[in-house]
């Protein structure tokens, strides 16, 4: 995929389409890894992301018991 690098003040940047943002679940922040000959952009996951669903599933299965007394 080829995209345009644009001027943003004294810097340059790229614009990611809505389709790319939704496909890769990119919200407000990303992790940028600089490699020898490429740049890797990864969505930043929020701490405890998905915990609410996991806890609901555990409760439905009766697996949310207190282990320490």
N, C-alpha and C. Protein backbone atom coordinates (compact mmCIF):
# COMPACT_ATOMS: atom_id res chain seq x y z
N UNK A 1 0.85 -1.17 0.00
CA UNK A 1 0.00 0.00 0.00
C UNK A 1 0.90 1.24 0.00
N UNK A 2 0.58 2.16 -0.80
CA UNK A 2 1.35 3.40 -0.89
C UNK A 2 0.48 4.55 -0.39
N UNK A 3 1.03 5.37 0.54
CA UNK A 3 0.30 6.54 1.03
C UNK A 3 1.22 7.75 1.01
N UNK A 4 0.64 8.90 0.99
CA UNK A 4 1.36 10.17 0.89
C UNK A 4 1.90 10.60 2.25
N UNK A 5 3.13 11.10 2.28
CA UNK A 5 3.70 11.72 3.46
C UNK A 5 3.40 13.21 3.33
N UNK A 6 2.78 13.79 4.37
CA UNK A 6 2.34 15.19 4.28
C UNK A 6 3.08 16.06 5.29
N UNK A 7 3.12 17.34 5.00
CA UNK A 7 3.74 18.33 5.89
C UNK A 7 2.76 18.67 7.01
N UNK A 8 3.24 18.60 8.27
CA UNK A 8 2.44 18.98 9.43
C UNK A 8 3.30 19.91 10.26
N UNK A 9 3.15 21.21 10.06
CA UNK A 9 4.02 22.18 10.73
C UNK A 9 5.45 21.98 10.28
N UNK A 10 6.38 21.81 11.22
CA UNK A 10 7.78 21.56 10.89
C UNK A 10 8.08 20.08 10.74
N UNK A 11 7.07 19.24 10.89
CA UNK A 11 7.24 17.79 10.81
C UNK A 11 6.54 17.24 9.58
N UNK A 12 6.60 15.96 9.42
CA UNK A 12 5.86 15.27 8.36
C UNK A 12 5.12 14.11 8.99
N UNK A 13 4.04 13.68 8.35
CA UNK A 13 3.25 12.60 8.90
C UNK A 13 2.49 11.86 7.82
N UNK A 14 1.76 10.86 8.25
CA UNK A 14 0.90 10.09 7.35
C UNK A 14 -0.51 10.08 7.93
N UNK A 15 -1.48 9.90 7.07
CA UNK A 15 -2.87 9.79 7.50
C UNK A 15 -3.33 8.36 7.24
N UNK A 16 -3.84 7.71 8.28
CA UNK A 16 -4.37 6.35 8.15
C UNK A 16 -5.87 6.43 7.92
N UNK A 17 -6.36 5.68 6.97
CA UNK A 17 -7.78 5.70 6.65
C UNK A 17 -8.60 5.10 7.79
N UNK A 18 -9.87 5.42 7.81
CA UNK A 18 -10.78 4.86 8.81
C UNK A 18 -10.79 3.34 8.75
N UNK A 19 -10.74 2.80 7.54
CA UNK A 19 -10.74 1.34 7.37
C UNK A 19 -9.54 0.69 8.06
N UNK A 20 -8.37 1.30 7.93
CA UNK A 20 -7.17 0.76 8.58
C UNK A 20 -7.31 0.89 10.10
N UNK A 21 -7.77 2.05 10.57
CA UNK A 21 -7.93 2.26 12.02
C UNK A 21 -8.89 1.25 12.62
N UNK A 22 -9.99 0.97 11.94
CA UNK A 22 -10.96 0.01 12.45
C UNK A 22 -10.45 -1.42 12.35
N UNK A 23 -9.82 -1.75 11.23
CA UNK A 23 -9.33 -3.12 11.02
C UNK A 23 -8.32 -3.53 12.09
N UNK A 24 -7.43 -2.60 12.47
CA UNK A 24 -6.38 -2.91 13.43
C UNK A 24 -6.67 -2.37 14.82
N UNK A 25 -7.89 -1.88 15.03
CA UNK A 25 -8.34 -1.39 16.32
C UNK A 25 -7.37 -0.35 16.90
N UNK A 26 -7.03 0.63 16.09
CA UNK A 26 -6.15 1.70 16.52
C UNK A 26 -7.02 2.81 17.11
N UNK A 27 -6.76 3.16 18.37
CA UNK A 27 -7.55 4.18 19.06
C UNK A 27 -6.74 5.47 19.14
N UNK A 28 -6.19 5.79 20.30
CA UNK A 28 -5.51 7.07 20.51
C UNK A 28 -3.99 6.98 20.46
N UNK A 29 -3.43 5.82 20.76
CA UNK A 29 -1.98 5.69 20.82
C UNK A 29 -1.53 4.42 20.10
N UNK A 30 -0.31 4.45 19.59
CA UNK A 30 0.30 3.28 18.97
C UNK A 30 1.71 3.13 19.51
N UNK A 31 2.28 1.94 19.35
CA UNK A 31 3.68 1.69 19.66
C UNK A 31 4.42 1.73 18.33
N UNK A 32 5.46 2.53 18.25
CA UNK A 32 6.24 2.69 17.04
C UNK A 32 7.60 2.04 17.25
N UNK A 33 7.90 0.99 16.48
CA UNK A 33 9.19 0.31 16.57
C UNK A 33 9.99 0.63 15.32
N UNK A 34 11.17 1.18 15.51
CA UNK A 34 12.04 1.52 14.40
C UNK A 34 13.00 0.36 14.15
N UNK A 35 12.93 -0.22 12.97
CA UNK A 35 13.78 -1.34 12.59
C UNK A 35 14.83 -0.87 11.59
N UNK A 36 15.69 -1.77 11.19
CA UNK A 36 16.77 -1.41 10.28
C UNK A 36 16.26 -0.79 8.98
N UNK A 37 15.24 -1.41 8.38
CA UNK A 37 14.75 -0.89 7.10
C UNK A 37 13.24 -0.74 7.04
N UNK A 38 12.59 -0.71 8.20
CA UNK A 38 11.14 -0.47 8.22
C UNK A 38 10.69 0.04 9.59
N UNK A 39 9.45 0.51 9.62
CA UNK A 39 8.82 0.99 10.85
C UNK A 39 7.61 0.11 11.12
N UNK A 40 7.48 -0.37 12.34
CA UNK A 40 6.36 -1.21 12.72
C UNK A 40 5.43 -0.40 13.63
N UNK A 41 4.16 -0.31 13.25
CA UNK A 41 3.16 0.41 14.05
C UNK A 41 2.18 -0.61 14.63
N UNK A 42 2.05 -0.62 15.95
CA UNK A 42 1.18 -1.57 16.64
C UNK A 42 0.23 -0.81 17.54
N UNK A 43 -1.08 -1.15 17.54
CA UNK A 43 -2.01 -0.47 18.45
C UNK A 43 -1.58 -0.68 19.89
N UNK A 44 -1.69 0.37 20.70
CA UNK A 44 -1.37 0.26 22.12
C UNK A 44 -2.59 -0.28 22.83
N UNK A 45 -2.43 -1.42 23.46
CA UNK A 45 -3.55 -2.02 24.19
C UNK A 45 -3.64 -1.39 25.57
N UNK A 46 -4.85 -1.21 26.01
CA UNK A 46 -5.08 -0.62 27.32
C UNK A 46 -4.87 -1.68 28.40
N UNK A 47 -4.30 -1.29 29.55
CA UNK A 47 -4.17 -2.24 30.66
C UNK A 47 -5.54 -2.81 31.03
N UNK A 48 -5.56 -4.07 31.27
CA UNK A 48 -6.78 -4.79 31.67
C UNK A 48 -7.83 -4.85 30.55
N UNK A 49 -7.42 -4.64 29.31
CA UNK A 49 -8.36 -4.71 28.19
C UNK A 49 -8.94 -6.12 28.11
N UNK A 50 -10.24 -6.22 28.07
CA UNK A 50 -10.92 -7.51 27.97
C UNK A 50 -11.20 -8.18 29.30
N UNK A 51 -10.75 -7.58 30.39
CA UNK A 51 -10.97 -8.19 31.69
C UNK A 51 -12.46 -8.26 32.03
N UNK A 52 -13.22 -7.24 31.65
CA UNK A 52 -14.64 -7.24 31.99
C UNK A 52 -15.35 -8.45 31.38
N UNK A 53 -15.05 -8.78 30.14
CA UNK A 53 -15.67 -9.94 29.49
C UNK A 53 -15.19 -11.23 30.14
N UNK A 54 -13.89 -11.31 30.44
CA UNK A 54 -13.35 -12.51 31.08
C UNK A 54 -13.98 -12.75 32.45
N UNK A 55 -14.14 -11.68 33.22
CA UNK A 55 -14.75 -11.83 34.55
C UNK A 55 -16.22 -12.24 34.46
N UNK A 56 -16.93 -11.68 33.48
CA UNK A 56 -18.33 -12.06 33.27
C UNK A 56 -18.43 -13.54 32.89
N UNK A 57 -17.55 -13.99 32.01
CA UNK A 57 -17.53 -15.40 31.60
C UNK A 57 -17.19 -16.31 32.78
N UNK A 58 -16.20 -15.90 33.59
CA UNK A 58 -15.84 -16.70 34.77
C UNK A 58 -17.01 -16.80 35.73
N UNK A 59 -17.73 -15.71 35.95
CA UNK A 59 -18.87 -15.70 36.85
C UNK A 59 -19.95 -16.64 36.34
N UNK A 60 -20.22 -16.61 35.03
CA UNK A 60 -21.25 -17.48 34.45
C UNK A 60 -20.89 -18.95 34.61
N UNK A 61 -19.61 -19.27 34.63
CA UNK A 61 -19.16 -20.66 34.78
C UNK A 61 -18.92 -21.04 36.23
N UNK A 62 -19.10 -20.09 37.15
CA UNK A 62 -18.87 -20.37 38.57
C UNK A 62 -17.40 -20.47 38.91
N UNK A 63 -16.53 -19.88 38.11
CA UNK A 63 -15.09 -19.98 38.31
C UNK A 63 -14.51 -18.79 39.07
N UNK A 64 -15.34 -17.89 39.54
CA UNK A 64 -14.84 -16.71 40.23
C UNK A 64 -14.91 -16.89 41.75
N UNK A 65 -14.32 -17.95 42.23
CA UNK A 65 -14.34 -18.26 43.67
C UNK A 65 -13.14 -17.62 44.36
N UNK A 66 -13.26 -17.30 45.62
CA UNK A 66 -12.19 -16.74 46.42
C UNK A 66 -11.19 -17.83 46.76
N UNK A 67 -9.91 -17.64 46.39
CA UNK A 67 -8.90 -18.66 46.63
C UNK A 67 -8.21 -18.49 47.97
N UNK A 68 -8.14 -17.29 48.49
CA UNK A 68 -7.52 -17.02 49.79
C UNK A 68 -8.59 -16.70 50.81
N UNK A 69 -8.42 -17.22 52.01
CA UNK A 69 -9.40 -16.96 53.07
C UNK A 69 -8.73 -16.31 54.23
